[in-house]
Amino acid sequence: MLQRKVIQQLAKWKNQENHHAILLNGARQVGKTTAVKMFAADNYKHFVEINFLKQPAAKAAFDGALDTRSIVLGLSAMGFGPFVEGETLVFFDEIQECPKARTAIKFLVEEGRYDYIESGSLLGINYKDIPSYPVGFEDEVMVYPLDFEEFLWAKGIDSSVIDLLGDCYKEKRPVPEVVHEQIFRCWREYLVVGGMPDVVQTFVSQDDFGHVVQTQRSIMATYRADIAKYAGKDKVVVRQIMDAIPAELGKQDKRFILANLEKGASRRKYENPTQWLVDAGIAYYSFNTKAFELPFEASENRSLYKLYLVDTGLMSSMLLRNMQLQVMTGDIGINEGALVENQIACTLASKAIPLHYYDKKSRQELDFVYSDNGKINIIEVKSGKDYHRHVSLDAARESFGNKIGSSIVFGPCNIEHSDNTTYLPLYMAMFI
């Protein structure tokens, strides 16, 4: 079984006195259910799992009174249990399918007889009304695909190696070359495998890479099925946008241009379908900021944006087709910029860093800018050997030097530092 950081978060939650319910949110197939099962096996004598998508009859237990006794009686009569006070974790999976269960959390937590975890994949999609949200009685935790550190764990890389990388990052000293080469090789694998748990497990346990691609395509088929089922009248446009993300990121400026989808396309037609993908956790917005000032939200130009896919491995299966193995070995002449920038975006998003890029009249474009202690940090992403060339970053430092905290270039390099710019290997984004 794969090690996941979210299990550590759940253990910390359990040890808190008078804790609330915990709500695991995130895109489908990122490993929420598996993490809960692993956590329950190690921490509870009894585990009651109710999946409202697979077991829709369980919804009836929430049709009457929403106190613990009534609900438990109803669930017990359906064969769920045992419910042992103080020793049981109750898991409501796919809770978006039963809005009344979400409402009931307030009363169940107040009575405090059992621990509760909720999980859902389309919680941002309001296709079913929730009578009353349990505000103040649940803590939300976002779950993402495996990050690069978790991928290294899956690969069997010893923690001492990861600790060495962390020390090099903090001290800004080069990683020993033999370690650097090995980890960079793992990073290239991560670019095409991604972090979806089923895909990673297939990769580390099977020799045939074709099975990895099949698993990735199966997940994309699940996403398309969700779009068909839940996106209503916008389903055709939602799918069109999702399928266009790899190609749009593959362009030189990487901005998502609606005119590339449809001549004369209006933002009004595409805004809600794009937001659907974001709310479903499948895509991330990065909005243009037209002023080098904090907060960026005050100067967002929401008509100019980039779109990133939740998992770079899934994107590689769409963009590269049969060229993944060449990327893993570094023996390829195509531009990897789309994959590399997508992965840095996913890393920042998983750390709850809002995504913005700076662009002054199509000049001085900076890939990522974010706030840190009242200063503006700049990240430039380079996939090629010309990573020392960064005209826009140089111009920004000249114009806004007093506003800038750090300027980092991630590239195919070891750790370097010159002219107020730090160069970091692409895999070190995990330490941001």
Protein backbone atom coordinates (compact mmCIF):
# COMPACT_ATOMS: atom_id res chain seq x y z
CA MET A 1 0.00 0.00 0.00
CA LEU A 2 1.18 3.52 -0.78
CA GLN A 3 2.22 5.88 2.01
CA ARG A 4 0.12 9.05 2.03
CA LYS A 5 0.62 12.26 3.94
CA VAL A 6 -3.12 12.66 4.41
CA ILE A 7 -3.03 9.68 6.80
CA GLN A 8 -0.69 11.69 9.04
CA GLN A 9 -3.24 14.53 8.97
CA LEU A 10 -5.98 12.12 9.99
CA ALA A 11 -3.88 10.81 12.89
CA LYS A 12 -3.33 14.37 14.11
CA TRP A 13 -7.08 15.02 13.84
CA LYS A 14 -7.94 11.92 15.88
CA ASN A 15 -5.66 13.01 18.72
CA GLN A 16 -7.39 16.37 19.09
CA GLU A 17 -9.85 16.60 21.96
CA ASN A 18 -13.49 17.18 21.00
CA HIS A 19 -12.63 17.08 17.32
CA HIS A 20 -15.16 17.80 14.61
CA ALA A 21 -15.96 15.57 11.68
CA ILE A 22 -13.36 15.73 8.93
CA LEU A 23 -14.31 16.23 5.30
CA LEU A 24 -11.94 14.92 2.64
CA ASN A 25 -12.40 16.82 -0.60
CA GLY A 26 -10.67 16.36 -3.92
CA ALA A 27 -10.96 15.06 -7.45
CA ARG A 28 -12.05 11.52 -8.09
CA GLN A 29 -9.39 8.78 -7.93
CA VAL A 30 -6.88 10.73 -5.78
CA GLY A 31 -7.01 8.08 -3.03
CA LYS A 32 -9.40 9.47 -0.43
CA THR A 33 -11.25 6.22 0.27
CA THR A 34 -8.10 4.08 0.42
CA ALA A 35 -6.46 6.51 2.84
CA VAL A 36 -9.44 6.38 5.18
CA LYS A 37 -9.47 2.56 5.15
CA MET A 38 -5.75 2.41 5.93
CA PHE A 39 -6.17 4.94 8.74
CA ALA A 40 -9.16 3.10 10.21
CA ALA A 41 -7.36 -0.26 10.20
CA ASP A 42 -4.59 1.14 12.39
CA ASN A 43 -6.62 3.34 14.72
CA TYR A 44 -10.10 1.89 15.38
CA LYS A 45 -11.56 -1.38 16.57
CA HIS A 46 -14.64 -0.88 14.42
CA PHE A 47 -15.07 0.76 11.02
CA VAL A 48 -18.44 1.44 9.40
CA GLU A 49 -18.28 2.48 5.74
CA ILE A 50 -21.36 3.83 3.95
CA ASN A 51 -20.87 4.61 0.27
CA PHE A 52 -23.95 6.51 -0.86
CA LEU A 53 -23.15 5.97 -4.53
CA LYS A 54 -22.76 2.18 -4.27
CA GLN A 55 -25.36 1.76 -1.50
CA PRO A 56 -28.08 4.33 -2.27
CA ALA A 57 -30.56 2.58 0.05
CA ALA A 58 -28.57 3.94 2.99
CA LYS A 59 -29.94 7.40 2.24
CA ALA A 60 -33.25 6.32 3.79
CA ALA A 61 -31.64 6.35 7.26
CA PHE A 62 -31.50 10.16 6.98
CA ASP A 63 -35.09 10.72 5.90
CA GLY A 64 -36.42 11.00 9.43
CA ALA A 65 -34.99 12.49 12.62
CA LEU A 66 -31.30 13.41 12.39
CA ASP A 67 -30.22 12.42 15.90
CA THR A 68 -27.58 9.75 16.40
CA ARG A 69 -29.95 7.10 17.79
CA SER A 70 -32.40 7.34 14.88
CA ILE A 71 -29.70 7.30 12.23
CA VAL A 72 -27.75 4.43 13.80
CA LEU A 73 -30.91 2.38 14.24
CA GLY A 74 -31.75 2.87 10.58
CA LEU A 75 -28.25 1.98 9.39
CA SER A 76 -28.04 -1.02 11.72
CA ALA A 77 -31.31 -2.34 10.35
CA MET A 78 -29.72 -2.27 6.88
CA GLY A 79 -26.76 -4.32 8.07
CA PHE A 80 -24.23 -1.58 8.75
CA GLY A 81 -22.20 -1.83 11.93
CA PRO A 82 -21.29 -2.65 14.59
CA PHE A 83 -21.54 0.76 16.25
CA VAL A 84 -19.54 0.69 19.49
CA GLU A 85 -19.38 3.98 21.33
CA GLY A 86 -15.87 5.44 21.55
CA GLU A 87 -14.36 2.71 19.35
CA THR A 88 -15.96 3.27 15.96
CA LEU A 89 -15.09 5.36 12.91
CA VAL A 90 -18.09 6.06 10.68
CA PHE A 91 -17.17 6.87 7.09
CA PHE A 92 -19.68 8.57 4.81
CA ASP A 93 -18.20 8.13 1.33
CA GLU A 94 -19.53 9.94 -1.76
CA ILE A 95 -21.47 12.13 0.63
CA GLN A 96 -22.47 14.48 -2.17
CA GLU A 97 -25.06 11.83 -3.06
CA CYS A 98 -26.85 12.27 0.30
CA PRO A 99 -27.20 15.96 1.22
CA LYS A 100 -29.15 15.14 4.41
CA ALA A 101 -26.18 13.14 5.72
CA ARG A 102 -24.04 16.25 5.35
CA THR A 103 -26.64 18.19 7.33
CA ALA A 104 -26.79 15.46 10.00
CA ILE A 105 -23.08 15.82 10.75
CA LYS A 106 -23.80 18.77 13.05
CA PHE A 107 -26.02 16.68 15.32
CA LEU A 108 -23.87 13.54 15.14
CA VAL A 109 -20.74 15.47 16.16
CA GLU A 110 -22.59 17.28 18.97
CA GLU A 111 -23.60 13.96 20.50
CA GLY A 112 -20.01 12.71 20.22
CA ARG A 113 -20.56 8.95 20.37
CA TYR A 114 -18.50 8.09 17.29
CA ASP A 115 -15.87 9.65 15.04
CA TYR A 116 -16.92 10.74 11.54
CA ILE A 117 -15.11 11.17 8.24
CA GLU A 118 -16.88 12.38 5.12
CA SER A 119 -15.55 12.14 1.61
CA GLY A 120 -16.71 13.31 -1.77
CA SER A 121 -15.44 13.93 -5.28
CA LEU A 122 -17.86 16.53 -6.60
CA LEU A 123 -18.51 18.60 -3.51
CA GLY A 124 -17.98 21.83 -5.43
CA ILE A 125 -20.71 20.90 -7.90
CA ASN A 126 -24.06 22.00 -6.50
CA TYR A 127 -26.24 19.55 -8.36
CA LYS A 128 -28.00 18.52 -5.13
CA ASP A 129 -29.08 21.04 -2.51
CA ILE A 130 -27.87 20.61 1.05
CA PRO A 131 -30.59 21.67 3.51
CA SER A 132 -28.08 23.07 6.01
CA TYR A 133 -24.28 22.95 6.00
CA PRO A 134 -22.67 21.77 9.27
CA VAL A 135 -20.70 24.99 9.73
CA GLY A 136 -18.40 24.72 12.73
CA PHE A 137 -18.73 20.93 12.96
CA GLU A 138 -16.49 19.73 10.14
CA ASP A 139 -12.92 20.48 9.11
CA GLU A 140 -12.12 20.26 5.42
CA VAL A 141 -8.92 18.66 4.12
CA MET A 142 -8.06 18.74 0.43
CA VAL A 143 -6.60 15.54 -0.98
CA TYR A 144 -4.41 15.66 -4.07
CA PRO A 145 -2.58 13.10 -6.19
CA LEU A 146 0.69 11.83 -4.74
CA ASP A 147 3.27 14.59 -4.58
CA PHE A 148 6.85 13.91 -5.64
CA GLU A 149 7.96 12.99 -2.12
CA GLU A 150 5.18 10.40 -1.87
CA PHE A 151 6.20 9.14 -5.31
CA LEU A 152 9.75 8.68 -4.03
CA TRP A 153 8.38 6.72 -1.07
CA ALA A 154 6.51 4.49 -3.51
CA LYS A 155 9.75 3.99 -5.41
CA GLY A 156 11.46 2.83 -2.22
CA ILE A 157 13.79 5.83 -1.94
CA ASP A 158 15.12 5.94 1.62
CA SER A 159 14.06 8.82 3.85
CA SER A 160 17.72 9.69 4.45
CA VAL A 161 18.02 10.62 0.77
CA ILE A 162 14.97 12.88 0.97
CA ASP A 163 16.37 14.45 4.15
CA LEU A 164 19.61 15.15 2.28
CA LEU A 165 17.66 16.87 -0.50
CA GLY A 166 15.83 18.97 2.09
CA ASP A 167 19.10 20.02 3.73
CA CYS A 168 20.56 21.01 0.35
CA TYR A 169 17.44 23.06 -0.38
CA LYS A 170 17.60 24.90 2.93
CA GLU A 171 21.34 25.55 2.73
CA LYS A 172 21.28 26.26 -1.03
CA ARG A 173 24.19 23.91 -1.69
CA PRO A 174 24.43 21.50 -4.65
CA VAL A 175 23.09 17.99 -4.29
CA PRO A 176 25.82 15.33 -4.63
CA GLU A 177 25.86 14.50 -8.33
CA VAL A 178 25.13 10.78 -8.00
CA VAL A 179 22.05 11.56 -5.90
CA HIS A 180 20.99 14.41 -8.18
CA GLU A 181 21.09 12.19 -11.27
CA GLN A 182 19.06 9.45 -9.62
CA ILE A 183 16.39 11.79 -8.27
CA PHE A 184 16.15 13.64 -11.57
CA ARG A 185 15.54 10.29 -13.25
CA CYS A 186 12.70 9.68 -10.78
CA TRP A 187 11.34 13.15 -11.56
CA ARG A 188 11.18 12.31 -15.26
CA GLU A 189 9.25 9.18 -14.41
CA TYR A 190 6.92 11.26 -12.24
CA LEU A 191 6.23 13.62 -15.16
CA VAL A 192 4.66 10.83 -17.21
CA VAL A 193 3.32 8.58 -14.44
CA GLY A 194 1.86 11.35 -12.30
CA GLY A 195 0.45 10.91 -8.83
CA MET A 196 -2.86 9.11 -9.21
CA PRO A 197 -2.55 6.25 -6.67
CA ASP A 198 -3.78 3.47 -8.98
CA VAL A 199 -1.38 4.62 -11.69
CA VAL A 200 1.59 4.83 -9.31
CA GLN A 201 0.81 1.40 -7.86
CA THR A 202 0.64 -0.05 -11.36
CA PHE A 203 3.96 1.58 -12.27
CA VAL A 204 5.89 0.30 -9.25
CA SER A 205 4.43 -3.21 -9.37
CA GLN A 206 4.40 -4.04 -13.10
CA ASP A 207 7.06 -4.02 -15.80
CA ASP A 208 4.71 -3.27 -18.69
CA PHE A 209 4.28 0.50 -19.04
CA GLY A 210 1.26 -0.15 -21.24
CA HIS A 211 -0.68 -1.02 -18.09
CA VAL A 212 0.18 2.41 -16.69
CA VAL A 213 -1.25 4.11 -19.76
CA GLN A 214 -4.37 1.93 -19.61
CA THR A 215 -4.94 2.96 -15.98
CA GLN A 216 -4.52 6.63 -16.86
CA ARG A 217 -6.99 6.34 -19.71
CA SER A 218 -9.45 4.57 -17.43
CA ILE A 219 -9.32 7.49 -15.00
CA MET A 220 -9.86 9.97 -17.83
CA ALA A 221 -12.84 7.89 -18.92
CA THR A 222 -14.22 8.21 -15.36
CA TYR A 223 -13.84 11.99 -15.55
CA ARG A 224 -15.64 12.08 -18.87
CA ALA A 225 -18.42 9.93 -17.43
CA ASP A 226 -18.79 12.37 -14.51
CA ILE A 227 -19.02 15.24 -16.96
CA ALA A 228 -21.72 13.45 -18.94
CA LYS A 229 -23.66 12.67 -15.76
CA TYR A 230 -23.31 15.87 -13.76
CA ALA A 231 -22.47 18.79 -16.08
CA GLY A 232 -25.99 19.04 -17.47
CA LYS A 233 -26.44 21.18 -20.57
CA ASP A 234 -22.79 22.23 -20.44
CA LYS A 235 -21.38 18.71 -20.71
CA VAL A 236 -20.18 19.01 -24.31
CA VAL A 237 -18.36 22.27 -23.65
CA VAL A 238 -16.89 21.04 -20.35
CA ARG A 239 -15.38 18.03 -22.08
CA GLN A 240 -14.15 20.21 -24.94
CA ILE A 241 -12.31 22.46 -22.48
CA MET A 242 -10.77 19.58 -20.55
CA ASP A 243 -9.53 17.91 -23.72
CA ALA A 244 -8.00 21.21 -24.91
CA ILE A 245 -5.87 21.86 -21.79
CA PRO A 246 -2.77 19.89 -22.92
CA ALA A 247 -2.66 21.55 -26.35
CA GLU A 248 -3.19 25.04 -24.94
CA LEU A 249 -0.37 24.54 -22.43
CA GLY A 250 1.80 23.24 -25.24
CA LYS A 251 1.77 26.65 -26.95
CA GLN A 252 4.57 29.13 -26.39
CA ASP A 253 2.54 31.53 -24.21
CA LYS A 254 0.52 28.69 -22.57
CA ARG A 255 -2.51 30.94 -22.11
CA PHE A 256 -5.92 29.34 -22.67
CA ILE A 257 -7.37 30.99 -25.80
CA LEU A 258 -11.06 30.42 -26.38
CA ALA A 259 -10.73 31.29 -30.06
CA ASN A 260 -8.65 28.13 -30.48
CA LEU A 261 -11.74 26.14 -29.50
CA GLU A 262 -14.28 28.05 -31.52
CA LYS A 263 -14.01 31.01 -33.87
CA GLY A 264 -15.64 34.02 -32.24
CA ALA A 265 -16.06 32.17 -28.93
CA SER A 266 -17.58 34.25 -26.13
CA ARG A 267 -16.33 34.15 -22.57
CA ARG A 268 -19.96 33.95 -21.40
CA LYS A 269 -20.41 30.58 -23.14
CA TYR A 270 -17.24 29.06 -21.68
CA GLU A 271 -17.04 30.62 -18.22
CA ASN A 272 -19.46 28.32 -16.37
CA PRO A 273 -18.20 25.09 -18.01
CA THR A 274 -14.62 26.04 -17.12
CA GLN A 275 -15.65 26.78 -13.56
CA TRP A 276 -17.31 23.34 -13.45
CA LEU A 277 -13.94 21.70 -14.12
CA VAL A 278 -12.30 23.82 -11.42
CA ASP A 279 -15.07 23.10 -8.89
CA ALA A 280 -14.78 19.38 -9.64
CA GLY A 281 -11.08 19.54 -8.81
CA ILE A 282 -10.06 18.47 -12.31
CA ALA A 283 -8.45 21.76 -13.34
CA TYR A 284 -6.77 24.79 -11.77
CA TYR A 285 -7.06 28.40 -12.86
CA SER A 286 -4.01 30.66 -12.95
CA PHE A 287 -5.23 34.22 -13.48
CA ASN A 288 -3.27 37.04 -14.99
CA THR A 289 -2.36 39.86 -12.63
CA LYS A 290 -1.91 43.16 -14.43
CA ALA A 291 -0.13 44.93 -11.58
CA PHE A 292 2.95 43.87 -9.63
CA GLU A 293 1.18 44.69 -6.38
CA LEU A 294 -0.30 42.77 -3.47
CA PRO A 295 -2.92 41.45 -3.15
CA PHE A 296 -3.00 40.00 -6.65
CA GLU A 297 -6.73 39.35 -6.36
CA ALA A 298 -7.31 43.12 -6.53
CA SER A 299 -5.71 43.34 -9.97
CA GLU A 300 -6.75 40.04 -11.52
CA ASN A 301 -7.73 40.08 -15.15
CA ARG A 302 -10.06 37.10 -15.10
CA SER A 303 -10.46 37.11 -18.86
CA LEU A 304 -6.78 36.15 -19.19
CA TYR A 305 -5.85 32.84 -17.63
CA LYS A 306 -4.05 29.53 -17.93
CA LEU A 307 -5.63 26.18 -17.14
CA TYR A 308 -3.73 23.29 -15.58
CA LEU A 309 -4.83 19.67 -15.21
CA VAL A 310 -4.99 18.14 -11.72
CA ASP A 311 -2.44 15.44 -12.59
CA THR A 312 0.48 15.76 -14.98
CA GLY A 313 0.55 12.02 -15.61
CA LEU A 314 -3.00 12.20 -16.94
CA MET A 315 -1.97 15.13 -19.10
CA SER A 316 1.03 13.22 -20.45
CA SER A 317 -1.28 10.38 -21.50
CA MET A 318 -3.28 12.91 -23.51
CA LEU A 319 -0.38 14.95 -24.90
CA LEU A 320 2.42 12.45 -25.54
CA ARG A 321 0.52 9.38 -26.66
CA ASN A 322 3.26 6.80 -27.23
CA MET A 323 6.27 8.96 -26.34
CA GLN A 324 6.28 8.65 -22.53
CA LEU A 325 9.23 6.30 -22.38
CA GLN A 326 11.42 8.76 -24.27
CA VAL A 327 10.56 11.49 -21.75
CA MET A 328 11.50 9.21 -18.85
CA THR A 329 14.92 8.57 -20.31
CA GLY A 330 15.47 12.18 -21.42
CA ASP A 331 16.00 11.02 -25.00
CA ILE A 332 13.49 13.24 -26.76
CA GLY A 333 13.53 16.45 -28.76
CA ILE A 334 10.02 17.72 -28.06
CA ASN A 335 9.23 20.65 -25.81
CA GLU A 336 8.45 19.37 -22.32
CA GLY A 337 7.44 22.84 -21.14
CA ALA A 338 3.75 22.02 -20.86
CA LEU A 339 4.32 19.01 -18.61
CA VAL A 340 6.92 20.73 -16.46
CA GLU A 341 4.89 23.89 -15.88
CA ASN A 342 1.75 21.86 -15.19
CA GLN A 343 3.58 19.90 -12.50
CA ILE A 344 4.91 23.04 -10.79
CA ALA A 345 1.36 24.45 -10.85
CA CYS A 346 0.00 21.25 -9.26
CA THR A 347 2.68 21.42 -6.58
CA LEU A 348 1.83 25.02 -5.69
CA ALA A 349 -1.92 24.30 -5.71
CA SER A 350 -1.44 21.37 -3.32
CA LYS A 351 0.27 23.78 -0.92
CA ALA A 352 -2.74 26.13 -1.05
CA ILE A 353 -0.75 28.78 -2.94
CA PRO A 354 -3.10 30.75 -5.24
CA LEU A 355 -1.96 30.57 -8.85
CA HIS A 356 -1.21 33.83 -10.67
CA TYR A 357 1.06 34.81 -13.49
CA TYR A 358 2.28 38.32 -14.30
CA ASP A 359 2.14 39.63 -17.84
CA LYS A 360 2.73 43.22 -18.92
CA LYS A 361 1.32 43.62 -22.43
CA SER A 362 2.61 40.20 -23.48
CA ARG A 363 6.08 41.15 -22.29
CA GLN A 364 7.85 40.43 -19.01
CA GLU A 365 5.69 37.35 -18.45
CA LEU A 366 6.48 35.56 -15.19
CA ASP A 367 5.22 31.99 -14.86
CA PHE A 368 4.14 32.20 -11.20
CA VAL A 369 4.01 35.01 -8.65
CA TYR A 370 2.80 34.61 -5.08
CA SER A 371 2.78 36.43 -1.77
CA ASP A 372 5.16 35.55 1.05
CA ASN A 373 5.56 37.68 4.19
CA GLY A 374 4.50 40.85 2.41
CA LYS A 375 6.88 40.31 -0.50
CA ILE A 376 6.33 38.89 -3.98
CA ASN A 377 8.07 35.64 -4.85
CA ILE A 378 8.72 34.84 -8.50
CA ILE A 379 8.97 31.36 -10.01
CA GLU A 380 10.17 30.80 -13.55
CA VAL A 381 9.98 27.28 -15.00
CA LYS A 382 12.51 26.11 -17.59
CA SER A 383 12.54 22.71 -19.25
CA GLY A 384 15.57 23.27 -21.47
CA LYS A 385 19.28 23.87 -21.02
CA ASP A 386 18.89 27.64 -21.51
CA TYR A 387 17.59 28.05 -17.96
CA HIS A 388 20.08 30.87 -17.28
CA ARG A 389 18.26 33.00 -19.83
CA HIS A 390 15.29 34.77 -18.22
CA VAL A 391 14.70 38.18 -19.73
CA SER A 392 11.34 38.74 -18.02
CA LEU A 393 12.71 37.86 -14.60
CA ASP A 394 15.67 40.22 -15.08
CA ALA A 395 13.32 43.02 -16.12
CA ALA A 396 11.10 42.43 -13.10
CA ARG A 397 14.06 42.56 -10.73
CA GLU A 398 15.18 45.83 -12.29
CA SER A 399 11.71 47.39 -12.10
CA PHE A 400 10.39 45.94 -8.82
CA GLY A 401 13.46 44.86 -6.86
CA ASN A 402 12.25 46.30 -3.55
CA LYS A 403 8.97 44.35 -3.80
CA ILE A 404 10.53 40.97 -4.56
CA GLY A 405 11.24 38.43 -1.84
CA SER A 406 12.85 35.60 -3.78
CA SER A 407 13.26 34.77 -7.45
CA ILE A 408 13.59 31.10 -8.29
CA VAL A 409 14.24 29.37 -11.58
CA PHE A 410 13.32 25.68 -11.64
CA GLY A 411 15.18 23.85 -14.37
CA PRO A 412 17.17 20.77 -15.41
CA CYS A 413 20.03 21.80 -13.17
CA ASN A 414 21.60 21.35 -9.77
CA ILE A 415 21.42 24.09 -7.14
CA GLU A 416 23.08 27.34 -8.17
CA HIS A 417 22.86 30.95 -7.05
CA SER A 418 23.83 34.10 -8.92
CA ASP A 419 22.63 37.69 -9.35
CA ASN A 420 19.90 37.42 -6.71
CA THR A 421 18.40 34.40 -8.47
CA THR A 422 18.37 30.85 -7.13
CA TYR A 423 18.42 27.98 -9.61
CA LEU A 424 16.84 24.78 -8.32
CA PRO A 425 16.34 21.36 -9.87
CA LEU A 426 12.75 20.83 -10.94
CA TYR A 427 12.20 18.15 -8.32
CA MET A 428 12.84 20.61 -5.47
CA ALA A 429 9.48 22.30 -5.98
CA MET A 430 8.28 19.82 -3.34
CA PHE A 431 10.08 21.90 -0.69
CA ILE A 432 8.38 25.25 -1.48
